[in-house]
PDB file of N, CA and C in Angstrom:
ATOM      1  N   MET A   1     -48.573 -62.160  -9.347  1.00  0.00           N
ATOM      2  CA  MET A   1     -47.865 -61.473 -10.490  1.00  0.00           C
ATOM      3  C   MET A   1     -48.230 -60.365 -11.096  1.00  0.00           C
ATOM      4  N   ASN A   2     -47.398 -59.455 -11.269  1.00  0.00           N
ATOM      5  CA  ASN A   2     -48.048 -57.999 -11.768  1.00  0.00           C
ATOM      6  C   ASN A   2     -48.560 -58.187 -13.310  1.00  0.00           C
ATOM      7  N   THR A   3     -49.484 -57.280 -13.447  1.00  0.00           N
ATOM      8  CA  THR A   3     -50.226 -57.504 -14.726  1.00  0.00           C
ATOM      9  C   THR A   3     -49.592 -56.185 -15.353  1.00  0.00           C
ATOM     10  N   VAL A   4     -49.964 -56.163 -16.815  1.00  0.00           N
ATOM     11  CA  VAL A   4     -49.565 -55.084 -17.664  1.00  0.00           C
ATOM     12  C   VAL A   4     -49.980 -53.703 -16.951  1.00  0.00           C
ATOM     13  N   LYS A   5     -51.277 -53.771 -16.608  1.00  0.00           N
ATOM     14  CA  LYS A   5     -51.978 -52.465 -16.156  1.00  0.00           C
ATOM     15  C   LYS A   5     -51.251 -52.136 -14.774  1.00  0.00           C
ATOM     16  N   SER A   6     -51.086 -53.041 -13.828  1.00  0.00           N
ATOM     17  CA  SER A   6     -50.413 -52.486 -12.694  1.00  0.00           C
ATOM     18  C   SER A   6     -49.007 -52.182 -12.914  1.00  0.00           C
ATOM     19  N   PHE A   7     -48.229 -52.823 -13.870  1.00  0.00           N
ATOM     20  CA  PHE A   7     -46.977 -52.259 -14.122  1.00  0.00           C
ATOM     21  C   PHE A   7     -46.865 -50.974 -14.422  1.00  0.00           C
ATOM     22  N   TRP A   8     -47.784 -50.589 -15.374  1.00  0.00           N
ATOM     23  CA  TRP A   8     -47.955 -49.006 -16.055  1.00  0.00           C
ATOM     24  C   TRP A   8     -48.298 -48.194 -15.080  1.00  0.00           C
ATOM     25  N   ILE A   9     -49.372 -48.674 -14.010  1.00  0.00           N
ATOM     26  CA  ILE A   9     -49.755 -47.804 -12.966  1.00  0.00           C
ATOM     27  C   ILE A   9     -48.738 -47.576 -12.103  1.00  0.00           C
ATOM     28  N   GLY A  10     -47.787 -48.450 -11.682  1.00  0.00           N
ATOM     29  CA  GLY A  10     -46.717 -48.441 -10.680  1.00  0.00           C
ATOM     30  C   GLY A  10     -45.593 -47.406 -11.488  1.00  0.00           C
ATOM     31  N   TRP A  11     -45.172 -47.741 -12.514  1.00  0.00           N
ATOM     32  CA  TRP A  11     -44.357 -46.547 -13.136  1.00  0.00           C
ATOM     33  C   TRP A  11     -44.867 -45.077 -13.223  1.00  0.00           C
ATOM     34  N   GLY A  12     -45.873 -45.194 -13.566  1.00  0.00           N
ATOM     35  CA  GLY A  12     -46.470 -43.714 -13.917  1.00  0.00           C
ATOM     36  C   GLY A  12     -46.667 -43.054 -12.431  1.00  0.00           C
ATOM     37  N   ALA A  13     -47.006 -43.738 -11.230  1.00  0.00           N
ATOM     38  CA  ALA A  13     -47.101 -43.200 -10.169  1.00  0.00           C
ATOM     39  C   ALA A  13     -45.652 -42.681  -9.535  1.00  0.00           C
ATOM     40  N   LEU A  14     -44.462 -43.637 -10.201  1.00  0.00           N
ATOM     41  CA  LEU A  14     -43.118 -43.285  -9.614  1.00  0.00           C
ATOM     42  C   LEU A  14     -42.812 -42.114 -10.317  1.00  0.00           C
ATOM     43  N   ILE A  15     -42.935 -41.933 -11.519  1.00  0.00           N
ATOM     44  CA  ILE A  15     -42.520 -40.826 -12.467  1.00  0.00           C
ATOM     45  C   ILE A  15     -43.518 -39.585 -11.775  1.00  0.00           C
ATOM     46  N   ILE A  16     -44.530 -39.583 -11.411  1.00  0.00           N
ATOM     47  CA  ILE A  16     -45.289 -38.364 -10.999  1.00  0.00           C
ATOM     48  C   ILE A  16     -44.752 -38.042  -9.827  1.00  0.00           C
ATOM     49  N   ALA A  17     -44.473 -39.013  -8.827  1.00  0.00           N
ATOM     50  CA  ALA A  17     -43.731 -38.497  -7.660  1.00  0.00           C
ATOM     51  C   ALA A  17     -42.417 -38.121  -7.844  1.00  0.00           C
ATOM     52  N   GLY A  18     -41.706 -38.605  -8.661  1.00  0.00           N
ATOM     53  CA  GLY A  18     -40.307 -37.895  -8.876  1.00  0.00           C
ATOM     54  C   GLY A  18     -40.360 -36.533  -9.301  1.00  0.00           C
ATOM     55  N   GLY A  19     -41.453 -36.255 -10.727  1.00  0.00           N
ATOM     56  CA  GLY A  19     -41.420 -35.099 -11.052  1.00  0.00           C
ATOM     57  C   GLY A  19     -41.580 -33.962 -10.023  1.00  0.00           C
ATOM     58  N   GLY A  20     -42.827 -34.541  -9.020  1.00  0.00           N
ATOM     59  CA  GLY A  20     -43.362 -33.732  -8.138  1.00  0.00           C
ATOM     60  C   GLY A  20     -42.091 -33.297  -6.886  1.00  0.00           C
ATOM     61  N   ALA A  21     -41.360 -34.182  -6.688  1.00  0.00           N
ATOM     62  CA  ALA A  21     -40.270 -34.042  -5.755  1.00  0.00           C
ATOM     63  C   ALA A  21     -39.153 -33.064  -6.490  1.00  0.00           C
ATOM     64  N   TYR A  22     -38.917 -33.362  -7.712  1.00  0.00           N
ATOM     65  CA  TYR A  22     -37.835 -32.445  -8.584  1.00  0.00           C
ATOM     66  C   TYR A  22     -38.221 -31.239  -8.390  1.00  0.00           C
ATOM     67  N   TYR A  23     -39.470 -30.726  -8.732  1.00  0.00           N
ATOM     68  CA  TYR A  23     -40.322 -29.451  -8.818  1.00  0.00           C
ATOM     69  C   TYR A  23     -40.091 -28.625  -7.357  1.00  0.00           C
ATOM     70  N   TYR A  24     -40.631 -29.539  -6.417  1.00  0.00           N
ATOM     71  CA  TYR A  24     -40.346 -28.699  -5.047  1.00  0.00           C
ATOM     72  C   TYR A  24     -39.050 -28.583  -4.626  1.00  0.00           C
ATOM     73  N   ALA A  25     -38.236 -29.430  -4.780  1.00  0.00           N
ATOM     74  CA  ALA A  25     -36.655 -29.307  -4.537  1.00  0.00           C
ATOM     75  C   ALA A  25     -36.292 -28.406  -5.258  1.00  0.00           C
ATOM     76  N   LYS A  26     -36.224 -28.139  -6.427  1.00  0.00           N
ATOM     77  CA  LYS A  26     -35.906 -27.036  -7.337  1.00  0.00           C
ATOM     78  C   LYS A  26     -36.368 -25.683  -6.949  1.00  0.00           C
ATOM     79  N   ARG A  27     -37.462 -25.551  -6.635  1.00  0.00           N
ATOM     80  CA  ARG A  27     -38.124 -24.450  -5.972  1.00  0.00           C
ATOM     81  C   ARG A  27     -37.488 -24.026  -4.681  1.00  0.00           C
ATOM     82  N   ASP A  28     -37.207 -24.790  -3.791  1.00  0.00           N
ATOM     83  CA  ASP A  28     -36.614 -24.738  -2.660  1.00  0.00           C
ATOM     84  C   ASP A  28     -35.190 -24.136  -2.788  1.00  0.00           C
ATOM     85  N   ILE A  29     -34.562 -25.029  -3.642  1.00  0.00           N
ATOM     86  CA  ILE A  29     -33.080 -24.267  -3.888  1.00  0.00           C
ATOM     87  C   ILE A  29     -33.088 -23.124  -4.566  1.00  0.00           C
ATOM     88  N   ASP A  30     -34.014 -22.923  -5.475  1.00  0.00           N
ATOM     89  CA  ASP A  30     -33.989 -21.493  -6.090  1.00  0.00           C
ATOM     90  C   ASP A  30     -34.097 -20.332  -5.151  1.00  0.00           C
ATOM     91  N   ALA A  31     -34.998 -20.726  -4.243  1.00  0.00           N
ATOM     92  CA  ALA A  31     -35.313 -19.629  -3.190  1.00  0.00           C
ATOM     93  C   ALA A  31     -34.133 -19.297  -2.450  1.00  0.00           C
ATOM     94  N   SER A  32     -33.614 -20.304  -1.890  1.00  0.00           N
ATOM     95  CA  SER A  32     -32.323 -20.325  -1.025  1.00  0.00           C
ATOM     96  C   SER A  32     -31.195 -19.567  -1.743  1.00  0.00           C
ATOM     97  N   ARG A  33     -31.051 -19.922  -3.046  1.00  0.00           N
ATOM     98  CA  ARG A  33     -30.077 -18.950  -3.832  1.00  0.00           C
ATOM     99  C   ARG A  33     -30.390 -17.637  -4.088  1.00  0.00           C
ATOM    100  N   ARG A  34     -31.698 -17.215  -4.204  1.00  0.00           N
ATOM    101  CA  ARG A  34     -32.047 -15.903  -4.242  1.00  0.00           C
ATOM    102  C   ARG A  34     -31.753 -15.208  -2.981  1.00  0.00           C
ATOM    103  N   GLU A  35     -32.210 -15.913  -1.840  1.00  0.00           N
ATOM    104  CA  GLU A  35     -31.952 -15.270  -0.420  1.00  0.00           C
ATOM    105  C   GLU A  35     -30.325 -14.942  -0.318  1.00  0.00           C
ATOM    106  N   LYS A  36     -29.500 -15.930  -0.558  1.00  0.00           N
ATOM    107  CA  LYS A  36     -28.178 -15.748  -0.429  1.00  0.00           C
ATOM    108  C   LYS A  36     -27.497 -14.617  -1.215  1.00  0.00           C
ATOM    109  N   PHE A  37     -28.091 -14.732  -2.663  1.00  0.00           N
ATOM    110  CA  PHE A  37     -27.554 -13.621  -3.531  1.00  0.00           C
ATOM    111  C   PHE A  37     -28.054 -12.033  -3.081  1.00  0.00           C
ATOM    112  N   ARG A  38     -29.307 -12.112  -2.377  1.00  0.00           N
ATOM    113  CA  ARG A  38     -29.660 -10.680  -1.639  1.00  0.00           C
ATOM    114  C   ARG A  38     -28.803 -10.264  -0.564  1.00  0.00           C
ATOM    115  N   LYS A  39     -28.471 -11.291   0.408  1.00  0.00           N
ATOM    116  CA  LYS A  39     -27.565 -11.300   1.477  1.00  0.00           C
ATOM    117  C   LYS A  39     -26.177 -10.556   0.880  1.00  0.00           C
ATOM    118  N   LEU A  40     -25.755 -11.315  -0.164  1.00  0.00           N
ATOM    119  CA  LEU A  40     -24.303 -10.963  -0.730  1.00  0.00           C
ATOM    120  C   LEU A  40     -24.363  -9.754  -1.439  1.00  0.00           C
ATOM    121  N   GLN A  41     -25.530  -9.281  -2.020  1.00  0.00           N
ATOM    122  CA  GLN A  41     -25.526  -7.842  -2.621  1.00  0.00           C
ATOM    123  C   GLN A  41     -25.595  -6.655  -1.351  1.00  0.00           C
ATOM    124  N   HIS A  42     -26.452  -7.096  -0.417  1.00  0.00           N
ATOM    125  CA  HIS A  42     -26.564  -6.206   0.441  1.00  0.00           C
ATOM    126  C   HIS A  42     -25.317  -5.899   1.310  1.00  0.00           C
ATOM    127  N   GLN A  43     -24.424  -6.995   1.431  1.00  0.00           N
ATOM    128  CA  GLN A  43     -23.269  -6.814   2.221  1.00  0.00           C
ATOM    129  C   GLN A  43     -22.171  -6.114   1.337  1.00  0.00           C
ATOM    130  N   GLN A  44     -22.252  -6.305  -0.014  1.00  0.00           N
ATOM    131  CA  GLN A  44     -21.339  -5.701  -0.668  1.00  0.00           C
ATOM    132  C   GLN A  44     -21.750  -4.197  -0.844  1.00  0.00           C
ATOM    133  N   GLN A  45     -22.867  -3.666  -1.014  1.00  0.00           N
ATOM    134  CA  GLN A  45     -23.261  -2.437  -0.920  1.00  0.00           C
ATOM    135  C   GLN A  45     -23.173  -1.723   0.565  1.00  0.00           C
ATOM    136  N   LEU A  46     -23.066  -2.525   1.537  1.00  0.00           N
ATOM    137  CA  LEU A  46     -22.620  -1.849   2.693  1.00  0.00           C
ATOM    138  C   LEU A  46     -21.129  -1.846   2.856  1.00  0.00           C
ATOM    139  N   ASN A  47     -20.507  -2.860   2.315  1.00  0.00           N
ATOM    140  CA  ASN A  47     -18.951  -2.614   2.368  1.00  0.00           C
ATOM    141  C   ASN A  47     -18.561  -1.446   1.494  1.00  0.00           C
ATOM    142  N   ALA A  48     -19.265  -1.389   0.263  1.00  0.00           N
ATOM    143  CA  ALA A  48     -18.857  -0.238  -0.779  1.00  0.00           C
ATOM    144  C   ALA A  48     -19.020   1.143  -0.105  1.00  0.00           C
ATOM    145  N   SER A  49     -20.369   1.212   0.570  1.00  0.00           N
ATOM    146  CA  SER A  49     -20.789   2.520   1.197  1.00  0.00           C
ATOM    147  C   SER A  49     -19.640   2.773   2.341  1.00  0.00           C
ATOM    148  N   LEU A  50     -19.126   1.968   3.287  1.00  0.00           N
ATOM    149  CA  LEU A  50     -18.273   1.977   4.151  1.00  0.00           C
ATOM    150  C   LEU A  50     -16.810   2.470   3.560  1.00  0.00           C
ATOM    151  N   GLU A  51     -16.497   1.727   2.603  1.00  0.00           N
ATOM    152  CA  GLU A  51     -15.143   2.014   1.730  1.00  0.00           C
ATOM    153  C   GLU A  51     -15.363   3.334   1.277  1.00  0.00           C
ATOM    154  N   TYR A  52     -16.226   4.060   0.790  1.00  0.00           N
ATOM    155  CA  TYR A  52     -16.329   5.170   0.198  1.00  0.00           C
ATOM    156  C   TYR A  52     -16.315   6.241   1.187  1.00  0.00           C
ATOM    157  N   ASP A  53     -17.061   6.243   2.214  1.00  0.00           N
ATOM    158  CA  ASP A  53     -17.121   6.757   3.187  1.00  0.00           C
ATOM    159  C   ASP A  53     -15.507   7.125   3.958  1.00  0.00           C
ATOM    160  N   ALA A  54     -15.047   5.907   4.039  1.00  0.00           N
ATOM    161  CA  ALA A  54     -13.435   5.829   4.700  1.00  0.00           C
ATOM    162  C   ALA A  54     -12.606   6.607   3.671  1.00  0.00           C
ATOM    163  N   ARG A  55     -12.681   6.297   2.330  1.00  0.00           N
ATOM    164  CA  ARG A  55     -11.887   6.898   1.327  1.00  0.00           C
ATOM    165  C   ARG A  55     -12.030   8.300   1.274  1.00  0.00           C
ATOM    166  N   ALA A  56     -13.257   8.740   1.417  1.00  0.00           N
ATOM    167  CA  ALA A  56     -13.594  10.194   1.405  1.00  0.00           C
ATOM    168  C   ALA A  56     -12.810  10.920   2.521  1.00  0.00           C
ATOM    169  N   GLY A  57     -13.052  10.387   3.593  1.00  0.00           N
ATOM    170  CA  GLY A  57     -12.421  11.071   4.987  1.00  0.00           C
ATOM    171  C   GLY A  57     -10.979  10.983   4.803  1.00  0.00           C
ATOM    172  N   SER A  58     -10.518   9.883   4.418  1.00  0.00           N
ATOM    173  CA  SER A  58      -8.763   9.963   4.172  1.00  0.00           C
ATOM    174  C   SER A  58      -8.337  10.931   3.296  1.00  0.00           C
ATOM    175  N   GLU A  59      -9.207  10.949   2.200  1.00  0.00           N
ATOM    176  CA  GLU A  59      -8.595  11.968   1.177  1.00  0.00           C
ATOM    177  C   GLU A  59      -8.599  13.298   1.721  1.00  0.00           C
ATOM    178  N   ASN A  60      -9.534  13.658   2.445  1.00  0.00           N
ATOM    179  CA  ASN A  60      -9.593  15.241   3.176  1.00  0.00           C
ATOM    180  C   ASN A  60      -8.178  15.388   4.128  1.00  0.00           C
ATOM    181  N   GLN A  61      -8.021  14.134   4.776  1.00  0.00           N
ATOM    182  CA  GLN A  61      -6.880  14.229   5.821  1.00  0.00           C
ATOM    183  C   GLN A  61      -5.651  14.351   5.144  1.00  0.00           C
ATOM    184  N   HIS A  62      -5.378  13.419   3.969  1.00  0.00           N
ATOM    185  CA  HIS A  62      -4.220  13.385   3.010  1.00  0.00           C
ATOM    186  C   HIS A  62      -3.964  14.810   2.514  1.00  0.00           C
ATOM    187  N   LEU A  63      -5.147  15.511   2.031  1.00  0.00           N
ATOM    188  CA  LEU A  63      -4.750  16.781   1.496  1.00  0.00           C
ATOM    189  C   LEU A  63      -4.165  17.771   2.318  1.00  0.00           C
ATOM    190  N   HIS A  64      -4.416  17.892   3.635  1.00  0.00           N
ATOM    191  CA  HIS A  64      -3.888  18.574   4.606  1.00  0.00           C
ATOM    192  C   HIS A  64      -2.703  18.045   5.135  1.00  0.00           C
ATOM    193  N   SER A  65      -2.202  16.875   5.178  1.00  0.00           N
ATOM    194  CA  SER A  65      -0.952  16.458   5.611  1.00  0.00           C
ATOM    195  C   SER A  65       0.260  15.997   4.676  1.00  0.00           C
ATOM    196  N   HIS A  66       1.261  16.751   4.822  1.00  0.00           N
ATOM    197  CA  HIS A  66       2.572  16.753   3.906  1.00  0.00           C
ATOM    198  C   HIS A  66       3.696  16.250   4.566  1.00  0.00           C
ATOM    199  N   GLY A  67       3.583  15.345   5.826  1.00  0.00           N
ATOM    200  CA  GLY A  67       4.608  14.887   6.496  1.00  0.00           C
ATOM    201  C   GLY A  67       5.101  13.721   5.670  1.00  0.00           C
ATOM    202  N   PRO A  68       6.477  12.973   6.456  1.00  0.00           N
ATOM    203  CA  PRO A  68       6.925  11.831   5.616  1.00  0.00           C
ATOM    204  C   PRO A  68       6.076  10.431   5.878  1.00  0.00           C
ATOM    205  N   ASP A  69       4.997  10.575   7.200  1.00  0.00           N
ATOM    206  CA  ASP A  69       4.462   9.432   7.724  1.00  0.00           C
ATOM    207  C   ASP A  69       3.120   9.349   6.895  1.00  0.00           C
ATOM    208  N   HIS A  70       2.579  10.153   5.862  1.00  0.00           N
ATOM    209  CA  HIS A  70       1.214  10.127   5.348  1.00  0.00           C
ATOM    210  C   HIS A  70       1.201   8.916   4.451  1.00  0.00           C
ATOM    211  N   ASP A  71       0.158   8.247   4.289  1.00  0.00           N
ATOM    212  CA  ASP A  71       0.040   6.977   3.285  1.00  0.00           C
ATOM    213  C   ASP A  71      -0.869   7.189   2.182  1.00  0.00           C
ATOM    214  N   LEU A  72      -0.204   6.845   1.112  1.00  0.00           N
ATOM    215  CA  LEU A  72      -0.920   7.029  -0.470  1.00  0.00           C
ATOM    216  C   LEU A  72      -1.328   5.858  -0.595  1.00  0.00           C
ATOM    217  N   ALA A  73      -1.640   4.622   0.031  1.00  0.00           N
ATOM    218  CA  ALA A  73      -2.228   3.479  -0.436  1.00  0.00           C
ATOM    219  C   ALA A  73      -3.566   3.746  -1.277  1.00  0.00           C
ATOM    220  N   PHE A  74      -4.312   4.613  -0.984  1.00  0.00           N
ATOM    221  CA  PHE A  74      -5.692   4.691  -1.841  1.00  0.00           C
ATOM    222  C   PHE A  74      -5.281   4.950  -3.241  1.00  0.00           C
ATOM    223  N   ALA A  75      -4.095   5.687  -3.549  1.00  0.00           N
ATOM    224  CA  ALA A  75      -3.808   6.081  -5.088  1.00  0.00           C
ATOM    225  C   ALA A  75      -2.387   5.615  -5.339  1.00  0.00           C
ATOM    226  N   PRO A  76      -2.596   4.474  -5.808  1.00  0.00           N
ATOM    227  CA  PRO A  76      -1.216   3.919  -6.391  1.00  0.00           C
ATOM    228  C   PRO A  76      -0.399   4.646  -7.297  1.00  0.00           C
ATOM    229  N   SER A  77      -1.114   5.324  -8.009  1.00  0.00           N
ATOM    230  CA  SER A  77      -0.205   6.524  -9.051  1.00  0.00           C
ATOM    231  C   SER A  77       0.445   7.417  -8.471  1.00  0.00           C
ATOM    232  N   LYS A  78      -0.057   8.070  -7.248  1.00  0.00           N
ATOM    233  CA  LYS A  78       0.746   8.944  -6.577  1.00  0.00           C
ATOM    234  C   LYS A  78       1.917   8.321  -5.548  1.00  0.00           C
ATOM    235  N   GLU A  79       1.536   6.855  -5.410  1.00  0.00           N
ATOM    236  CA  GLU A  79       2.272   6.339  -4.452  1.00  0.00           C
ATOM    237  C   GLU A  79       3.637   5.627  -5.003  1.00  0.00           C
ATOM    238  N   ALA A  80       3.531   5.452  -6.332  1.00  0.00           N
ATOM    239  CA  ALA A  80       4.799   5.200  -7.342  1.00  0.00           C
ATOM    240  C   ALA A  80       5.598   6.328  -7.440  1.00  0.00           C
ATOM    241  N   THR A  81       5.273   7.369  -7.152  1.00  0.00           N
ATOM    242  CA  THR A  81       6.200   8.559  -7.764  1.00  0.00           C
ATOM    243  C   THR A  81       6.859   8.977  -6.437  1.00  0.00           C
ATOM    244  N   THR A  82       6.684   8.273  -5.311  1.00  0.00           N
ATOM    245  CA  THR A  82       7.436   8.183  -4.103  1.00  0.00           C
ATOM    246  C   THR A  82       8.289   7.243  -3.855  1.00  0.00           C
ATOM    247  N   ASP A  83       8.579   6.228  -4.900  1.00  0.00           N
ATOM    248  CA  ASP A  83       9.494   5.195  -4.596  1.00  0.00           C
ATOM    249  C   ASP A  83      10.800   5.813  -4.735  1.00  0.00           C
ATOM    250  N   PRO A  84      11.667   5.283  -3.789  1.00  0.00           N
ATOM    251  CA  PRO A  84      13.198   5.856  -3.933  1.00  0.00           C
ATOM    252  C   PRO A  84      13.966   5.222  -5.298  1.00  0.00           C
ATOM    253  N   ALA A  85      13.529   3.872  -5.551  1.00  0.00           N
ATOM    254  CA  ALA A  85      14.044   3.415  -6.990  1.00  0.00           C
ATOM    255  C   ALA A  85      13.079   2.332  -7.534  1.00  0.00           C
ATOM    256  N   PRO A  86      12.221   2.922  -8.207  1.00  0.00           N
ATOM    257  CA  PRO A  86      11.086   1.953  -8.684  1.00  0.00           C
ATOM    258  C   PRO A  86      11.824   1.009  -9.733  1.00  0.00           C
ATOM    259  N   THR A  87      12.959   1.171 -10.526  1.00  0.00           N
ATOM    260  CA  THR A  87      13.353   0.263 -11.359  1.00  0.00           C
ATOM    261  C   THR A  87      14.509  -0.299 -10.923  1.00  0.00           C
ATOM    262  N   ARG A  88      14.813  -1.677 -11.172  1.00  0.00           N
ATOM    263  CA  ARG A  88      16.155  -2.353 -11.160  1.00  0.00           C
ATOM    264  C   ARG A  88      17.365  -1.798 -11.780  1.00  0.00           C
ATOM    265  N   HIS A  89      18.416  -1.435 -11.152  1.00  0.00           N
ATOM    266  CA  HIS A  89      19.612  -1.070 -11.992  1.00  0.00           C
ATOM    267  C   HIS A  89      20.462  -2.014 -12.436  1.00  0.00           C
ATOM    268  N   GLU A  90      21.297  -1.639 -13.589  1.00  0.00           N
ATOM    269  CA  GLU A  90      22.133  -2.839 -13.941  1.00  0.00           C
ATOM    270  C   GLU A  90      23.447  -2.895 -13.035  1.00  0.00           C
ATOM    271  N   PRO A  91      23.830  -3.974 -12.993  1.00  0.00           N
ATOM    272  CA  PRO A  91      24.978  -4.104 -12.196  1.00  0.00           C
ATOM    273  C   PRO A  91      26.170  -3.448 -12.721  1.00  0.00           C
ATOM    274  N   ASP A  92      27.183  -2.913 -11.930  1.00  0.00           N
ATOM    275  CA  ASP A  92      28.297  -2.007 -12.374  1.00  0.00           C
ATOM    276  C   ASP A  92      29.472  -3.316 -12.705  1.00  0.00           C
ATOM    277  N   THR A  93      29.622  -4.290 -11.896  1.00  0.00           N
ATOM    278  CA  THR A  93      30.835  -5.065 -12.013  1.00  0.00           C
ATOM    279  C   THR A  93      30.348  -6.754 -12.469  1.00  0.00           C
ATOM    280  N   ASP A  94      31.292  -7.483 -12.912  1.00  0.00           N
ATOM    281  CA  ASP A  94      30.758  -8.762 -13.163  1.00  0.00           C
ATOM    282  C   ASP A  94      30.505  -9.445 -11.791  1.00  0.00           C
ATOM    283  N   GLY A  95      30.998  -8.993 -10.761  1.00  0.00           N
ATOM    284  CA  GLY A  95      30.856  -9.665  -9.549  1.00  0.00           C
ATOM    285  C   GLY A  95      29.447  -9.305  -9.214  1.00  0.00           C
ATOM    286  N   GLN A  96      29.068  -8.349  -9.361  1.00  0.00           N
ATOM    287  CA  GLN A  96      27.815  -7.850  -8.911  1.00  0.00           C
ATOM    288  C   GLN A  96      26.643  -8.935  -9.952  1.00  0.00           C
ATOM    289  N   ARG A  97      26.980  -8.835 -10.985  1.00  0.00           N
ATOM    290  CA  ARG A  97      26.284  -9.506 -12.064  1.00  0.00           C
ATOM    291  C   ARG A  97      26.062 -11.040 -11.659  1.00  0.00           C
ATOM    292  N   VAL A  98      27.252 -11.521 -11.212  1.00  0.00           N
ATOM    293  CA  VAL A  98      27.187 -13.163 -10.901  1.00  0.00           C
ATOM    294  C   VAL A  98      26.261 -13.361  -9.596  1.00  0.00           C
ATOM    295  N   MET A  99      26.240 -12.074  -8.581  1.00  0.00           N
ATOM    296  CA  MET A  99      25.481 -12.413  -7.483  1.00  0.00           C
ATOM    297  C   MET A  99      24.185 -12.329  -7.456  1.00  0.00           C
ATOM    298  N   GLU A 100      23.744 -11.488  -8.620  1.00  0.00           N
ATOM    299  CA  GLU A 100      22.161 -11.234  -8.733  1.00  0.00           C
ATOM    300  C   GLU A 100      21.687 -12.669  -9.573  1.00  0.00           C
ATOM    301  N   LYS A 101      22.463 -13.279 -10.310  1.00  0.00           N
ATOM    302  CA  LYS A 101      21.754 -14.288 -11.102  1.00  0.00           C
ATOM    303  C   LYS A 101      21.744 -15.620 -10.066  1.00  0.00           C
ATOM    304  N   SER A 102      20.561 -16.183 -10.260  1.00  0.00           N
ATOM    305  CA  SER A 102      20.394 -17.536  -9.447  1.00  0.00           C
ATOM    306  C   SER A 102      21.372 -18.423  -9.855  1.00  0.00           C
ATOM    307  N   LYS A 103      21.369 -19.631  -9.172  1.00  0.00           N
ATOM    308  CA  LYS A 103      22.416 -20.859  -9.379  1.00  0.00           C
ATOM    309  C   LYS A 103      21.811 -21.428 -10.495  1.00  0.00           C
ATOM    310  N   TYR A 104      20.622 -21.209 -11.045  1.00  0.00           N
ATOM    311  CA  TYR A 104      20.156 -22.033 -12.175  1.00  0.00           C
ATOM    312  C   TYR A 104      20.234 -21.225 -13.488  1.00  0.00           C
ATOM    313  N   GLU A 105      20.590 -20.133 -13.446  1.00  0.00           N
ATOM    314  CA  GLU A 105      20.622 -19.021 -14.514  1.00  0.00           C
ATOM    315  C   GLU A 105      22.016 -19.178 -15.236  1.00  0.00           C
ATOM    316  N   ALA A 106      22.094 -19.106 -16.313  1.00  0.00           N
ATOM    317  CA  ALA A 106      23.504 -19.336 -17.103  1.00  0.00           C
ATOM    318  C   ALA A 106      24.129 -17.902 -17.048  1.00  0.00           C
ATOM    319  N   ALA A 107      25.527 -17.862 -16.822  1.00  0.00           N
ATOM    320  CA  ALA A 107      26.201 -16.787 -16.530  1.00  0.00           C
ATOM    321  C   ALA A 107      26.243 -16.091 -18.315  1.00  0.00           C
ATOM    322  N   VAL A 108      26.517 -17.020 -19.113  1.00  0.00           N
ATOM    323  CA  VAL A 108      26.444 -16.392 -20.700  1.00  0.00           C
ATOM    324  C   VAL A 108      25.446 -17.110 -21.325  1.00  0.00           C
ATOM    325  N   PRO A 109      24.326 -15.992 -21.949  1.00  0.00           N
ATOM    326  CA  PRO A 109      23.341 -16.388 -22.680  1.00  0.00           C
ATOM    327  C   PRO A 109      23.574 -17.364 -23.846  1.00  0.00           C
ATOM    328  N   TYR A 110      22.505 -18.528 -23.941  1.00  0.00           N
ATOM    329  CA  TYR A 110      22.879 -19.358 -25.087  1.00  0.00           C
ATOM    330  C   TYR A 110      22.765 -18.771 -26.211  1.00  0.00           C
ATOM    331  N   ARG A 111      23.718 -19.135 -27.231  1.00  0.00           N
ATOM    332  CA  ARG A 111      23.744 -18.380 -28.559  1.00  0.00           C
ATOM    333  C   ARG A 111      23.853 -19.656 -29.465  1.00  0.00           C
ATOM    334  N   SER A 112      22.747 -19.801 -30.375  1.00  0.00           N
ATOM    335  CA  SER A 112      22.645 -20.988 -31.441  1.00  0.00           C
ATOM    336  C   SER A 112      23.702 -20.955 -32.426  1.00  0.00           C
ATOM    337  N   ARG A 113      24.481 -21.859 -32.985  1.00  0.00           N
ATOM    338  CA  ARG A 113      25.315 -21.898 -34.066  1.00  0.00           C
ATOM    339  C   ARG A 113      24.647 -21.456 -35.380  1.00  0.00           C
ATOM    340  N   LYS A 114      25.303 -20.789 -35.966  1.00  0.00           N
ATOM    341  CA  LYS A 114      24.538 -20.511 -37.336  1.00  0.00           C
ATOM    342  C   LYS A 114      25.152 -21.540 -38.384  1.00  0.00           C
ATOM    343  N   GLY A 115      24.257 -21.752 -39.655  1.00  0.00           N
ATOM    344  CA  GLY A 115      24.761 -22.530 -40.317  1.00  0.00           C
ATOM    345  C   GLY A 115      24.048 -23.935 -40.471  1.00  0.00           C
ATOM    346  N   ASP A 116      24.584 -24.853 -41.259  1.00  0.00           N
ATOM    347  CA  ASP A 116      23.779 -26.140 -41.604  1.00  0.00           C
ATOM    348  C   ASP A 116      24.207 -27.364 -40.263  1.00  0.00           C
ATOM    349  N   ARG A 117      23.196 -27.581 -39.899  1.00  0.00           N
ATOM    350  CA  ARG A 117      23.256 -28.408 -38.604  1.00  0.00           C
ATOM    351  C   ARG A 117      23.069 -30.171 -39.264  1.00  0.00           C
ATOM    352  N   PHE A 118      22.811 -30.486 -40.481  1.00  0.00           N
ATOM    353  CA  PHE A 118      22.599 -31.474 -40.921  1.00  0.00           C
ATOM    354  C   PHE A 118      23.668 -32.098 -41.847  1.00  0.00           C
ATOM    355  N   SER A 119      24.900 -31.336 -41.993  1.00  0.00           N
ATOM    356  CA  SER A 119      25.853 -32.074 -42.770  1.00  0.00           C
ATOM    357  C   SER A 119      26.906 -32.568 -42.209  1.00  0.00           C
TER     358      SER A 119
END
């Protein structure tokens, strides 16, 4: 049978072993997270530098090309001015209006009745 002394020695050893395992596991996990973060930062810097180089080269090419096939995807504000119809136009007839609406959309918008509803 266990004595009081052996009981506390057993629990003390268990707590010390658990604390040591926690310390070393946390240190290993933190080191792997730091390494993963460094790799991610390096990859992002590499991608940013490649993107900057590609963008700088394409801007020089786009400044000299004025044909209809040139791409302005790198500058959305410039690309928006070349849209043939950037906005939706209102339908001219009722037939066109009905065709634009979905089958779940009401043909006439709901208007609530005015006045006292509780009398």
